[in-house]
Amino acid sequence: MGDMKRIVFTNDKGGVGKTTTVANLAVGLAKRGKKILVIDMDPQADVTFALFGQRVPESQDNYIPASIHSLLIGYHKINQVIVKSPRYKNLSLIPSNADLAGSALKLSHKPTLLRNSLEELPKGKFDIVLIDTGKGLDPLVINALAAAQNVIIMVTPGRLELDAIDRIQEYVKLVRERILDHANEPVVRGILITLADPYSVTKDTIDRINKKYPGYLFKTRIPKNNDLQKAIGRTRSIFEVAPKSKGALAYEEVIKELDI
């Protein structure tokens, strides 16, 4: 896969800001001239909607639209499911739709399907692949992890976050050792806190993560920010809706920390 960076954003529950993060990082990196591919591995297709303003229609009768689902069931090749963004230069997407939920069980014995598909891309076509996952730790997430170099664990302030981090760490290790036969990837690149506020629960979460996983936490926290909600609601990036907001500045800082 050459020098193409592959990053998956995950947690085993919803509502942690994965889609908001992937959409805004994708646009922010594309604006910097990076050739970006976003892969939507969530049957809810939220990042597809956020970046394109619409979801792919579901399959019906003999019609199977080009999507991550049609790629994973072998109906389309990867070059047939990549859609260039009409809005953002340098940004492309493999979209999702509700069909993907039906793919999950069929993938249980094919954990490297997505990885193998990415290997078919011509060298230099993309600089960075960002993969958005749904909630849960199912065969779709396993495929996403197996395709990635780096894993960013998304967390919100709360007492149960360490348990989620532990579970994902175990999954990453399992994928690396068993599925990829003791490969040196994927690895957890960092833990990113979203919906951060100035109150004690956020500070307690930061302290607990720093104690158990020293060096893993991004210095940048994504704040609770109405402008981020507004941007997603308008299917626009934060850089268009409120470029000077706390949310936009935070994602600019995350891009600097990623150093890609």
C-alpha atoms as a PDB file:
ATOM      1  CA  MET A   1       0.000   0.000   0.000  1.00  0.00           C
ATOM      2  CA  GLY A   2       3.032   2.223  -0.386  1.00  0.00           C
ATOM      3  CA  ASP A   3       3.193   5.337   1.747  1.00  0.00           C
ATOM      4  CA  MET A   4      -0.585   5.624   2.080  1.00  0.00           C
ATOM      5  CA  LYS A   5      -1.428   6.315   5.733  1.00  0.00           C
ATOM      6  CA  ARG A   6      -4.459   4.382   6.981  1.00  0.00           C
ATOM      7  CA  ILE A   7      -6.225   5.528  10.143  1.00  0.00           C
ATOM      8  CA  VAL A   8      -9.349   4.077  11.737  1.00  0.00           C
ATOM      9  CA  PHE A   9     -11.449   5.985  14.277  1.00  0.00           C
ATOM     10  CA  THR A  10     -13.342   3.735  16.640  1.00  0.00           C
ATOM     11  CA  ASN A  11     -15.101   3.029  19.919  1.00  0.00           C
ATOM     12  CA  ASP A  12     -17.555   0.269  20.688  1.00  0.00           C
ATOM     13  CA  LYS A  13     -20.386   2.702  21.379  1.00  0.00           C
ATOM     14  CA  GLY A  14     -22.043   5.528  19.494  1.00  0.00           C
ATOM     15  CA  GLY A  15     -22.230   9.216  20.289  1.00  0.00           C
ATOM     16  CA  VAL A  16     -18.494   9.748  20.735  1.00  0.00           C
ATOM     17  CA  GLY A  17     -17.934  12.077  17.793  1.00  0.00           C
ATOM     18  CA  LYS A  18     -16.378   9.637  15.315  1.00  0.00           C
ATOM     19  CA  THR A  19     -18.296  10.937  12.306  1.00  0.00           C
ATOM     20  CA  THR A  20     -17.795  14.602  13.204  1.00  0.00           C
ATOM     21  CA  THR A  21     -14.079  13.945  13.635  1.00  0.00           C
ATOM     22  CA  VAL A  22     -13.583  11.959  10.418  1.00  0.00           C
ATOM     23  CA  ALA A  23     -15.574  14.459   8.325  1.00  0.00           C
ATOM     24  CA  ASN A  24     -13.763  17.525   9.668  1.00  0.00           C
ATOM     25  CA  LEU A  25     -10.291  15.977   9.596  1.00  0.00           C
ATOM     26  CA  ALA A  26     -10.902  14.810   6.023  1.00  0.00           C
ATOM     27  CA  VAL A  27     -11.838  18.308   4.866  1.00  0.00           C
ATOM     28  CA  GLY A  28      -9.056  19.938   6.905  1.00  0.00           C
ATOM     29  CA  LEU A  29      -6.411  17.602   5.456  1.00  0.00           C
ATOM     30  CA  ALA A  30      -7.794  17.939   1.904  1.00  0.00           C
ATOM     31  CA  LYS A  31      -7.573  21.729   2.220  1.00  0.00           C
ATOM     32  CA  ARG A  32      -3.877  21.247   3.008  1.00  0.00           C
ATOM     33  CA  GLY A  33      -3.428  19.507  -0.346  1.00  0.00           C
ATOM     34  CA  LYS A  34      -3.475  15.898   0.901  1.00  0.00           C
ATOM     35  CA  LYS A  35      -5.269  13.356  -1.289  1.00  0.00           C
ATOM     36  CA  ILE A  36      -7.846  11.900   1.088  1.00  0.00           C
ATOM     37  CA  LEU A  37     -10.019   8.779   0.885  1.00  0.00           C
ATOM     38  CA  VAL A  38     -12.756   8.418   3.503  1.00  0.00           C
ATOM     39  CA  ILE A  39     -14.238   4.942   3.973  1.00  0.00           C
ATOM     40  CA  ASP A  40     -17.629   4.806   5.666  1.00  0.00           C
ATOM     41  CA  MET A  41     -17.834   1.483   7.529  1.00  0.00           C
ATOM     42  CA  ASP A  42     -21.000   2.441   9.412  1.00  0.00           C
ATOM     43  CA  PRO A  43     -24.400   1.156   8.181  1.00  0.00           C
ATOM     44  CA  GLN A  44     -25.952   4.441   9.380  1.00  0.00           C
ATOM     45  CA  ALA A  45     -23.845   6.175   6.694  1.00  0.00           C
ATOM     46  CA  ASP A  46     -23.484   9.370   8.724  1.00  0.00           C
ATOM     47  CA  VAL A  47     -20.093  10.378   7.333  1.00  0.00           C
ATOM     48  CA  THR A  48     -21.416   9.776   3.808  1.00  0.00           C
ATOM     49  CA  PHE A  49     -24.278  12.152   4.580  1.00  0.00           C
ATOM     50  CA  ALA A  50     -21.986  14.688   6.280  1.00  0.00           C
ATOM     51  CA  LEU A  51     -19.582  14.891   3.334  1.00  0.00           C
ATOM     52  CA  PHE A  52     -21.989  14.429   0.414  1.00  0.00           C
ATOM     53  CA  GLY A  53     -25.318  15.679   1.738  1.00  0.00           C
ATOM     54  CA  GLN A  54     -27.084  12.429   0.821  1.00  0.00           C
ATOM     55  CA  ARG A  55     -26.954   8.694   1.485  1.00  0.00           C
ATOM     56  CA  VAL A  56     -26.602   5.966  -1.113  1.00  0.00           C
ATOM     57  CA  PRO A  57     -29.964   4.281  -1.889  1.00  0.00           C
ATOM     58  CA  GLU A  58     -30.414   0.720  -0.663  1.00  0.00           C
ATOM     59  CA  SER A  59     -30.258  -2.273  -2.986  1.00  0.00           C
ATOM     60  CA  GLN A  60     -33.525  -3.384  -4.554  1.00  0.00           C
ATOM     61  CA  ASP A  61     -34.408  -6.163  -6.986  1.00  0.00           C
ATOM     62  CA  ASN A  62     -31.311  -6.564  -9.194  1.00  0.00           C
ATOM     63  CA  TYR A  63     -29.935  -3.096  -8.468  1.00  0.00           C
ATOM     64  CA  ILE A  64     -26.913  -2.957  -6.151  1.00  0.00           C
ATOM     65  CA  PRO A  65     -25.490   0.579  -5.884  1.00  0.00           C
ATOM     66  CA  ALA A  66     -21.751   1.169  -5.619  1.00  0.00           C
ATOM     67  CA  SER A  67     -20.901   1.353  -1.914  1.00  0.00           C
ATOM     68  CA  ILE A  68     -18.707  -0.234   0.737  1.00  0.00           C
ATOM     69  CA  HIS A  69     -21.309  -3.012   0.922  1.00  0.00           C
ATOM     70  CA  SER A  70     -21.034  -3.853  -2.773  1.00  0.00           C
ATOM     71  CA  LEU A  71     -17.230  -3.854  -2.450  1.00  0.00           C
ATOM     72  CA  LEU A  72     -17.235  -6.202   0.526  1.00  0.00           C
ATOM     73  CA  ILE A  73     -19.624  -8.705  -1.094  1.00  0.00           C
ATOM     74  CA  GLY A  74     -17.430  -8.743  -4.212  1.00  0.00           C
ATOM     75  CA  TYR A  75     -19.992  -7.137  -6.532  1.00  0.00           C
ATOM     76  CA  HIS A  76     -17.768  -4.146  -7.314  1.00  0.00           C
ATOM     77  CA  LYS A  77     -14.010  -3.544  -7.353  1.00  0.00           C
ATOM     78  CA  ILE A  78     -12.543  -0.743  -5.232  1.00  0.00           C
ATOM     79  CA  ASN A  79     -12.055   1.645  -8.171  1.00  0.00           C
ATOM     80  CA  GLN A  80     -15.793   1.299  -8.938  1.00  0.00           C
ATOM     81  CA  VAL A  81     -16.971   2.412  -5.492  1.00  0.00           C
ATOM     82  CA  ILE A  82     -14.766   5.481  -4.948  1.00  0.00           C
ATOM     83  CA  VAL A  83     -16.703   8.704  -5.466  1.00  0.00           C
ATOM     84  CA  LYS A  84     -14.958  12.069  -5.855  1.00  0.00           C
ATOM     85  CA  SER A  85     -16.394  14.836  -3.711  1.00  0.00           C
ATOM     86  CA  PRO A  86     -18.149  17.524  -5.743  1.00  0.00           C
ATOM     87  CA  ARG A  87     -17.553  19.944  -2.877  1.00  0.00           C
ATOM     88  CA  TYR A  88     -14.008  19.386  -1.719  1.00  0.00           C
ATOM     89  CA  LYS A  89     -10.938  19.184  -3.910  1.00  0.00           C
ATOM     90  CA  ASN A  90      -8.627  16.222  -3.067  1.00  0.00           C
ATOM     91  CA  LEU A  91     -11.373  14.356  -1.177  1.00  0.00           C
ATOM     92  CA  SER A  92     -12.967  11.042  -2.221  1.00  0.00           C
ATOM     93  CA  LEU A  93     -15.319   8.683  -0.407  1.00  0.00           C
ATOM     94  CA  ILE A  94     -16.344   5.054  -0.408  1.00  0.00           C
ATOM     95  CA  PRO A  95     -19.948   5.621   0.696  1.00  0.00           C
ATOM     96  CA  SER A  96     -22.118   3.460   2.908  1.00  0.00           C
ATOM     97  CA  ASN A  97     -25.800   2.659   3.246  1.00  0.00           C
ATOM     98  CA  ALA A  98     -28.083   0.396   5.280  1.00  0.00           C
ATOM     99  CA  ASP A  99     -27.106  -2.611   3.111  1.00  0.00           C
ATOM    100  CA  LEU A 100     -23.852  -2.745   5.052  1.00  0.00           C
ATOM    101  CA  ALA A 101     -25.596  -4.165   8.131  1.00  0.00           C
ATOM    102  CA  GLY A 102     -26.279  -7.303   6.110  1.00  0.00           C
ATOM    103  CA  SER A 103     -22.612  -7.637   5.147  1.00  0.00           C
ATOM    104  CA  ALA A 104     -21.403  -7.920   8.727  1.00  0.00           C
ATOM    105  CA  LEU A 105     -22.171 -11.612   9.283  1.00  0.00           C
ATOM    106  CA  LYS A 106     -20.783 -12.610   5.887  1.00  0.00           C
ATOM    107  CA  LEU A 107     -17.469 -10.988   6.808  1.00  0.00           C
ATOM    108  CA  SER A 108     -16.800 -13.055   9.922  1.00  0.00           C
ATOM    109  CA  HIS A 109     -14.552 -15.438   7.954  1.00  0.00           C
ATOM    110  CA  LYS A 110     -13.067 -12.694   5.747  1.00  0.00           C
ATOM    111  CA  PRO A 111     -11.402 -10.245   8.131  1.00  0.00           C
ATOM    112  CA  THR A 112      -8.915  -8.859   5.581  1.00  0.00           C
ATOM    113  CA  LEU A 113     -11.300  -8.067   2.714  1.00  0.00           C
ATOM    114  CA  LEU A 114     -10.956  -4.304   3.067  1.00  0.00           C
ATOM    115  CA  ARG A 115      -7.185  -4.510   3.498  1.00  0.00           C
ATOM    116  CA  ASN A 116      -6.866  -6.619   0.342  1.00  0.00           C
ATOM    117  CA  SER A 117      -9.040  -4.152  -1.587  1.00  0.00           C
ATOM    118  CA  LEU A 118      -6.882  -1.186  -0.520  1.00  0.00           C
ATOM    119  CA  GLU A 119      -3.820  -3.038  -1.817  1.00  0.00           C
ATOM    120  CA  GLU A 120      -5.373  -2.868  -5.304  1.00  0.00           C
ATOM    121  CA  LEU A 121      -5.191   0.947  -5.341  1.00  0.00           C
ATOM    122  CA  PRO A 122      -2.473   2.431  -7.565  1.00  0.00           C
ATOM    123  CA  LYS A 123       0.518   3.734  -5.626  1.00  0.00           C
ATOM    124  CA  GLY A 124       0.220   7.453  -4.931  1.00  0.00           C
ATOM    125  CA  LYS A 125      -3.539   7.669  -5.627  1.00  0.00           C
ATOM    126  CA  PHE A 126      -4.208   8.687  -2.014  1.00  0.00           C
ATOM    127  CA  ASP A 127      -2.008  10.043   0.757  1.00  0.00           C
ATOM    128  CA  ILE A 128      -4.310   9.258   3.671  1.00  0.00           C
ATOM    129  CA  VAL A 129      -7.247   6.895   4.228  1.00  0.00           C
ATOM    130  CA  LEU A 130      -9.609   7.761   7.100  1.00  0.00           C
ATOM    131  CA  ILE A 131     -12.012   4.988   8.155  1.00  0.00           C
ATOM    132  CA  ASP A 132     -15.172   5.704  10.152  1.00  0.00           C
ATOM    133  CA  THR A 133     -16.690   2.791  12.062  1.00  0.00           C
ATOM    134  CA  GLY A 134     -20.089   2.150  13.593  1.00  0.00           C
ATOM    135  CA  LYS A 135     -20.753   1.178  17.175  1.00  0.00           C
ATOM    136  CA  GLY A 136     -19.966  -2.276  18.491  1.00  0.00           C
ATOM    137  CA  LEU A 137     -17.012  -4.557  17.811  1.00  0.00           C
ATOM    138  CA  ASP A 138     -18.303  -6.654  14.937  1.00  0.00           C
ATOM    139  CA  PRO A 139     -16.783  -8.104  11.720  1.00  0.00           C
ATOM    140  CA  LEU A 140     -17.070  -4.671  10.061  1.00  0.00           C
ATOM    141  CA  VAL A 141     -14.839  -3.138  12.739  1.00  0.00           C
ATOM    142  CA  ILE A 142     -12.442  -6.091  12.517  1.00  0.00           C
ATOM    143  CA  ASN A 143     -12.143  -5.450   8.757  1.00  0.00           C
ATOM    144  CA  ALA A 144     -11.517  -1.765   9.432  1.00  0.00           C
ATOM    145  CA  LEU A 145      -8.847  -2.513  12.047  1.00  0.00           C
ATOM    146  CA  ALA A 146      -7.132  -5.065   9.804  1.00  0.00           C
ATOM    147  CA  ALA A 147      -6.945  -2.456   7.023  1.00  0.00           C
ATOM    148  CA  ALA A 148      -5.409   0.222   9.249  1.00  0.00           C
ATOM    149  CA  GLN A 149      -1.943   1.211  10.369  1.00  0.00           C
ATOM    150  CA  ASN A 150      -3.129   3.478  13.157  1.00  0.00           C
ATOM    151  CA  VAL A 151      -6.141   3.348  15.449  1.00  0.00           C
ATOM    152  CA  ILE A 152      -7.512   6.424  17.155  1.00  0.00           C
ATOM    153  CA  ILE A 153      -9.794   5.586  20.054  1.00  0.00           C
ATOM    154  CA  MET A 154     -12.554   8.146  20.499  1.00  0.00           C
ATOM    155  CA  VAL A 155     -13.840   8.729  24.014  1.00  0.00           C
ATOM    156  CA  THR A 156     -16.178  11.102  25.801  1.00  0.00           C
ATOM    157  CA  PRO A 157     -15.829  12.067  29.470  1.00  0.00           C
ATOM    158  CA  GLY A 158     -17.218   9.396  31.801  1.00  0.00           C
ATOM    159  CA  ARG A 159     -16.434   6.574  34.162  1.00  0.00           C
ATOM    160  CA  LEU A 160     -16.747   3.689  31.708  1.00  0.00           C
ATOM    161  CA  GLU A 161     -14.256   4.974  29.165  1.00  0.00           C
ATOM    162  CA  LEU A 162     -11.306   2.967  30.487  1.00  0.00           C
ATOM    163  CA  ASP A 163     -13.260  -0.247  29.934  1.00  0.00           C
ATOM    164  CA  ALA A 164     -13.899   0.734  26.307  1.00  0.00           C
ATOM    165  CA  ILE A 165     -10.219   1.566  25.776  1.00  0.00           C
ATOM    166  CA  ASP A 166      -9.218  -1.804  27.262  1.00  0.00           C
ATOM    167  CA  ARG A 167     -11.586  -3.669  24.940  1.00  0.00           C
ATOM    168  CA  ILE A 168     -10.346  -1.877  21.839  1.00  0.00           C
ATOM    169  CA  GLN A 169      -6.716  -2.425  22.828  1.00  0.00           C
ATOM    170  CA  GLU A 170      -7.473  -6.158  23.066  1.00  0.00           C
ATOM    171  CA  TYR A 171      -9.130  -6.152  19.637  1.00  0.00           C
ATOM    172  CA  VAL A 172      -6.217  -4.304  18.069  1.00  0.00           C
ATOM    173  CA  LYS A 173      -3.810  -6.841  19.545  1.00  0.00           C
ATOM    174  CA  LEU A 174      -5.960  -9.759  18.355  1.00  0.00           C
ATOM    175  CA  VAL A 175      -6.087  -8.361  14.798  1.00  0.00           C
ATOM    176  CA  ARG A 176      -2.337  -7.753  14.715  1.00  0.00           C
ATOM    177  CA  GLU A 177      -1.336 -11.143  16.138  1.00  0.00           C
ATOM    178  CA  ARG A 178      -3.982 -13.591  14.938  1.00  0.00           C
ATOM    179  CA  ILE A 179      -5.526 -12.136  11.801  1.00  0.00           C
ATOM    180  CA  LEU A 180      -2.383 -10.500  10.389  1.00  0.00           C
ATOM    181  CA  ASP A 181      -0.016 -13.160  11.729  1.00  0.00           C
ATOM    182  CA  HIS A 182       2.056 -11.060  14.164  1.00  0.00           C
ATOM    183  CA  ALA A 183       2.255  -8.002  11.918  1.00  0.00           C
ATOM    184  CA  ASN A 184       3.543  -4.679  13.228  1.00  0.00           C
ATOM    185  CA  GLU A 185       0.214  -2.955  12.514  1.00  0.00           C
ATOM    186  CA  PRO A 186      -2.381  -1.823  13.452  1.00  0.00           C
ATOM    187  CA  VAL A 187      -1.291   0.069  16.558  1.00  0.00           C
ATOM    188  CA  VAL A 188      -3.172   2.484  18.776  1.00  0.00           C
ATOM    189  CA  ARG A 189      -1.926   5.905  17.694  1.00  0.00           C
ATOM    190  CA  GLY A 190      -3.759   7.823  20.380  1.00  0.00           C
ATOM    191  CA  ILE A 191      -6.872   8.500  22.427  1.00  0.00           C
ATOM    192  CA  LEU A 192      -8.931  11.552  21.495  1.00  0.00           C
ATOM    193  CA  ILE A 193     -11.421  13.080  23.930  1.00  0.00           C
ATOM    194  CA  THR A 194     -14.521  14.672  22.421  1.00  0.00           C
ATOM    195  CA  LEU A 195     -17.386  16.597  24.020  1.00  0.00           C
ATOM    196  CA  ALA A 196     -14.890  17.961  26.550  1.00  0.00           C
ATOM    197  CA  ASP A 197     -16.044  20.648  28.989  1.00  0.00           C
ATOM    198  CA  PRO A 198     -14.369  22.477  31.878  1.00  0.00           C
ATOM    199  CA  TYR A 199     -16.076  20.354  34.544  1.00  0.00           C
ATOM    200  CA  SER A 200     -14.686  17.745  36.896  1.00  0.00           C
ATOM    201  CA  VAL A 201     -15.871  14.647  34.973  1.00  0.00           C
ATOM    202  CA  THR A 202     -13.707  15.686  31.995  1.00  0.00           C
ATOM    203  CA  LYS A 203     -10.717  16.364  34.236  1.00  0.00           C
ATOM    204  CA  ASP A 204     -11.224  13.033  36.044  1.00  0.00           C
ATOM    205  CA  THR A 205     -11.386  11.164  32.707  1.00  0.00           C
ATOM    206  CA  ILE A 206      -8.176  12.847  31.515  1.00  0.00           C
ATOM    207  CA  ASP A 207      -6.403  11.989  34.782  1.00  0.00           C
ATOM    208  CA  ARG A 208      -7.497   8.337  34.664  1.00  0.00           C
ATOM    209  CA  ILE A 209      -6.458   7.896  31.027  1.00  0.00           C
ATOM    210  CA  ASN A 210      -3.086   9.572  31.614  1.00  0.00           C
ATOM    211  CA  LYS A 211      -2.478   7.300  34.607  1.00  0.00           C
ATOM    212  CA  LYS A 212      -3.363   4.046  32.830  1.00  0.00           C
ATOM    213  CA  TYR A 213      -2.200   4.946  29.286  1.00  0.00           C
ATOM    214  CA  PRO A 214       0.571   7.510  29.686  1.00  0.00           C
ATOM    215  CA  GLY A 215       1.540   9.207  26.436  1.00  0.00           C
ATOM    216  CA  TYR A 216      -1.536   8.065  24.520  1.00  0.00           C
ATOM    217  CA  LEU A 217      -3.882  11.004  25.037  1.00  0.00           C
ATOM    218  CA  PHE A 218      -3.939  13.712  22.378  1.00  0.00           C
ATOM    219  CA  LYS A 219      -3.079  17.058  23.908  1.00  0.00           C
ATOM    220  CA  THR A 220      -5.985  18.543  21.973  1.00  0.00           C
ATOM    221  CA  ARG A 221      -9.498  17.951  23.299  1.00  0.00           C
ATOM    222  CA  ILE A 222     -12.504  18.411  21.037  1.00  0.00           C
ATOM    223  CA  PRO A 223     -14.825  20.693  22.992  1.00  0.00           C
ATOM    224  CA  LYS A 224     -18.575  20.597  23.371  1.00  0.00           C
ATOM    225  CA  ASN A 225     -19.319  23.137  20.691  1.00  0.00           C
ATOM    226  CA  ASN A 226     -22.647  24.153  19.167  1.00  0.00           C
ATOM    227  CA  ASP A 227     -20.921  25.155  15.935  1.00  0.00           C
ATOM    228  CA  LEU A 228     -19.805  21.542  15.402  1.00  0.00           C
ATOM    229  CA  GLN A 229     -23.431  20.364  15.740  1.00  0.00           C
ATOM    230  CA  LYS A 230     -24.575  23.148  13.437  1.00  0.00           C
ATOM    231  CA  ALA A 231     -22.014  22.217  10.769  1.00  0.00           C
ATOM    232  CA  ILE A 232     -22.923  18.519  10.781  1.00  0.00           C
ATOM    233  CA  GLY A 233     -26.625  19.472  10.673  1.00  0.00           C
ATOM    234  CA  ARG A 234     -25.935  21.516   7.547  1.00  0.00           C
ATOM    235  CA  THR A 235     -23.784  18.718   6.061  1.00  0.00           C
ATOM    236  CA  ARG A 236     -20.837  21.090   5.952  1.00  0.00           C
ATOM    237  CA  SER A 237     -17.429  21.056   7.608  1.00  0.00           C
ATOM    238  CA  ILE A 238     -16.714  23.279  10.600  1.00  0.00           C
ATOM    239  CA  PHE A 239     -14.151  25.116   8.458  1.00  0.00           C
ATOM    240  CA  GLU A 240     -16.945  26.483   6.264  1.00  0.00           C
ATOM    241  CA  VAL A 241     -19.618  27.093   8.886  1.00  0.00           C
ATOM    242  CA  ALA A 242     -17.531  28.565  11.718  1.00  0.00           C
ATOM    243  CA  PRO A 243     -13.810  28.649  10.809  1.00  0.00           C
ATOM    244  CA  LYS A 244     -12.831  30.595  13.935  1.00  0.00           C
ATOM    245  CA  SER A 245     -14.885  28.556  16.398  1.00  0.00           C
ATOM    246  CA  LYS A 246     -13.391  26.481  19.209  1.00  0.00           C
ATOM    247  CA  GLY A 247     -14.338  23.335  17.294  1.00  0.00           C
ATOM    248  CA  ALA A 248     -12.519  24.417  14.127  1.00  0.00           C
ATOM    249  CA  LEU A 249      -9.414  25.445  16.071  1.00  0.00           C
ATOM    250  CA  ALA A 250      -9.423  22.102  17.923  1.00  0.00           C
ATOM    251  CA  TYR A 251      -9.503  20.090  14.686  1.00  0.00           C
ATOM    252  CA  GLU A 252      -6.701  22.253  13.269  1.00  0.00           C
ATOM    253  CA  GLU A 253      -4.655  21.296  16.341  1.00  0.00           C
ATOM    254  CA  VAL A 254      -5.472  17.580  15.948  1.00  0.00           C
ATOM    255  CA  ILE A 255      -4.209  17.752  12.346  1.00  0.00           C
ATOM    256  CA  LYS A 256      -0.953  19.262  13.632  1.00  0.00           C
ATOM    257  CA  GLU A 257      -0.651  16.554  16.289  1.00  0.00           C
ATOM    258  CA  LEU A 258      -1.249  13.799  13.723  1.00  0.00           C
ATOM    259  CA  ASP A 259       1.670  15.221  11.750  1.00  0.00           C
ATOM    260  CA  ILE A 260       0.657  13.576   8.455  1.00  0.00           C
END
